[in-house]
C-alpha atoms as a PDB file:
ATOM      1  CA  MET A   1      79.675 -37.073-155.949  1.00  0.00           C
ATOM      2  CA  ALA A   2      77.688 -35.869-152.923  1.00  0.00           C
ATOM      3  CA  ALA A   3      79.393 -34.653-149.789  1.00  0.00           C
ATOM      4  CA  SER A   4      78.926 -36.811-146.729  1.00  0.00           C
ATOM      5  CA  ALA A   5      76.635 -35.570-143.959  1.00  0.00           C
ATOM      6  CA  GLY A   6      79.516 -34.951-141.551  1.00  0.00           C
ATOM      7  CA  SER A   7      81.639 -32.626-143.680  1.00  0.00           C
ATOM      8  CA  GLY A   8      81.513 -29.282-145.350  1.00  0.00           C
ATOM      9  CA  PRO A   9      80.763 -25.735-144.289  1.00  0.00           C
ATOM     10  CA  ALA A  10      77.464 -26.623-142.595  1.00  0.00           C
ATOM     11  CA  CYS A  11      79.184 -29.067-140.272  1.00  0.00           C
ATOM     12  CA  ALA A  12      81.985 -26.617-139.519  1.00  0.00           C
ATOM     13  CA  SER A  13      79.489 -23.900-138.630  1.00  0.00           C
ATOM     14  CA  ARG A  14      77.656 -26.306-136.320  1.00  0.00           C
ATOM     15  CA  TRP A  15      80.901 -27.101-134.495  1.00  0.00           C
ATOM     16  CA  ALA A  16      81.738 -23.398-134.256  1.00  0.00           C
ATOM     17  CA  SER A  17      78.264 -22.669-132.882  1.00  0.00           C
ATOM     18  CA  LEU A  18      78.586 -25.475-130.356  1.00  0.00           C
ATOM     19  CA  ALA A  19      81.979 -24.186-129.219  1.00  0.00           C
ATOM     20  CA  ALA A  20      80.594 -20.638-128.845  1.00  0.00           C
ATOM     21  CA  LEU A  21      77.599 -21.868-126.855  1.00  0.00           C
ATOM     22  CA  LEU A  22      79.808 -23.932-124.556  1.00  0.00           C
ATOM     23  CA  ALA A  23      82.076 -20.916-123.984  1.00  0.00           C
ATOM     24  CA  LEU A  24      79.042 -18.768-123.119  1.00  0.00           C
ATOM     25  CA  LEU A  25      77.780 -21.458-120.759  1.00  0.00           C
ATOM     26  CA  GLY A  26      81.175 -21.516-119.046  1.00  0.00           C
ATOM     27  CA  LEU A  27      81.056 -17.730-118.622  1.00  0.00           C
ATOM     28  CA  GLN A  28      77.548 -17.913-117.184  1.00  0.00           C
ATOM     29  CA  ILE A  29      78.613 -20.598-114.700  1.00  0.00           C
ATOM     30  CA  ALA A  30      81.669 -18.542-113.698  1.00  0.00           C
ATOM     31  CA  LEU A  31      79.497 -15.459-113.134  1.00  0.00           C
ATOM     32  CA  HIS A  32      76.964 -17.396-111.090  1.00  0.00           C
ATOM     33  CA  PHE A  33      79.492 -19.211-108.883  1.00  0.00           C
ATOM     34  CA  HIS A  34      82.173 -16.477-108.806  1.00  0.00           C
ATOM     35  CA  ASP A  35      82.454 -16.376-104.981  1.00  0.00           C
ATOM     36  CA  ALA A  36      82.754 -20.150-104.650  1.00  0.00           C
ATOM     37  CA  LEU A  37      85.277 -20.378-107.490  1.00  0.00           C
ATOM     38  CA  ALA A  38      87.421 -17.603-105.985  1.00  0.00           C
ATOM     39  CA  ALA A  39      87.394 -19.336-102.589  1.00  0.00           C
ATOM     40  CA  GLN A  40      88.203 -22.808-103.912  1.00  0.00           C
ATOM     41  CA  TYR A  41      90.648 -21.736-106.631  1.00  0.00           C
ATOM     42  CA  PRO A  42      92.515 -18.605-105.429  1.00  0.00           C
ATOM     43  CA  GLN A  43      94.668 -18.600-108.556  1.00  0.00           C
ATOM     44  CA  ALA A  44      91.511 -17.854-110.590  1.00  0.00           C
ATOM     45  CA  ARG A  45      90.700 -14.720-108.551  1.00  0.00           C
ATOM     46  CA  PRO A  46      92.316 -12.161-110.948  1.00  0.00           C
ATOM     47  CA  GLY A  47      90.399 -13.566-113.894  1.00  0.00           C
ATOM     48  CA  LEU A  48      87.177 -13.638-111.900  1.00  0.00           C
ATOM     49  CA  GLN A  49      87.719 -10.024-110.835  1.00  0.00           C
ATOM     50  CA  ALA A  50      88.064  -9.025-114.489  1.00  0.00           C
ATOM     51  CA  LEU A  51      84.952 -11.025-115.342  1.00  0.00           C
ATOM     52  CA  CYS A  52      83.039  -9.368-112.512  1.00  0.00           C
ATOM     53  CA  LYS A  53      84.122  -5.953-113.727  1.00  0.00           C
ATOM     54  CA  LEU A  54      82.498  -6.758-117.079  1.00  0.00           C
ATOM     55  CA  GLY A  55      79.503  -8.551-115.585  1.00  0.00           C
ATOM     56  CA  GLY A  56      78.776  -6.037-112.841  1.00  0.00           C
ATOM     57  CA  CYS A  57      79.297  -8.371-109.889  1.00  0.00           C
ATOM     58  CA  GLU A  58      81.547  -8.203-106.835  1.00  0.00           C
ATOM     59  CA  LEU A  59      83.783 -10.875-105.331  1.00  0.00           C
ATOM     60  CA  ARG A  60      82.917 -11.417-101.676  1.00  0.00           C
ATOM     61  CA  PRO A  61      83.905 -14.026 -99.111  1.00  0.00           C
ATOM     62  CA  TRP A  62      82.162 -17.301 -99.778  1.00  0.00           C
ATOM     63  CA  ARG A  63      79.359 -17.933 -97.304  1.00  0.00           C
ATOM     64  CA  ARG A  64      78.581 -21.577 -96.674  1.00  0.00           C
ATOM     65  CA  ILE A  65      76.596 -21.949 -93.489  1.00  0.00           C
ATOM     66  CA  ASP A  66      76.533 -25.730 -93.916  1.00  0.00           C
ATOM     67  CA  ALA A  67      80.347 -25.778 -93.668  1.00  0.00           C
ATOM     68  CA  ILE A  68      80.241 -24.469 -90.094  1.00  0.00           C
ATOM     69  CA  SER A  69      80.101 -27.169 -87.469  1.00  0.00           C
ATOM     70  CA  VAL A  70      80.342 -27.233 -83.700  1.00  0.00           C
ATOM     71  CA  GLU A  71      83.155 -29.609 -82.830  1.00  0.00           C
ATOM     72  CA  THR A  72      82.982 -29.415 -79.043  1.00  0.00           C
ATOM     73  CA  SER A  73      80.790 -27.673 -76.516  1.00  0.00           C
ATOM     74  CA  ALA A  74      80.718 -27.500 -72.756  1.00  0.00           C
ATOM     75  CA  LEU A  75      78.302 -26.009 -70.253  1.00  0.00           C
ATOM     76  CA  SER A  76      79.421 -25.319 -66.703  1.00  0.00           C
ATOM     77  CA  GLN A  77      76.998 -24.572 -63.874  1.00  0.00           C
ATOM     78  CA  ALA A  78      79.410 -22.367 -61.937  1.00  0.00           C
ATOM     79  CA  GLY A  79      78.983 -19.267 -64.053  1.00  0.00           C
ATOM     80  CA  ALA A  80      76.576 -20.442 -66.685  1.00  0.00           C
ATOM     81  CA  ALA A  81      79.357 -20.141 -69.234  1.00  0.00           C
ATOM     82  CA  ILE A  82      79.059 -21.809 -72.591  1.00  0.00           C
ATOM     83  CA  SER A  83      82.195 -22.783 -74.432  1.00  0.00           C
ATOM     84  CA  THR A  84      82.146 -23.771 -78.086  1.00  0.00           C
ATOM     85  CA  SER A  85      84.721 -24.557 -80.682  1.00  0.00           C
ATOM     86  CA  CYS A  86      83.644 -23.857 -84.251  1.00  0.00           C
ATOM     87  CA  ARG A  87      85.276 -24.779 -87.479  1.00  0.00           C
END
């Protein structure tokens, strides 16, 4: 009796390979987006620091220039003063 195509050691090794590749992809994504992940998920910071120690990176403040917006601004003629409120 022949084994079905979805069972046996060959299938198990494929699943193991897929799991390993997905884990490596997750590590690569974490290394690439380490600053953003640390800023959005502070509880992940210790793990990301350990990952950066292994990967040779450094956790820095997340810089998102598109997140800065001018909410209000005012220009007065009496002293040429500019007042802005940034967020």
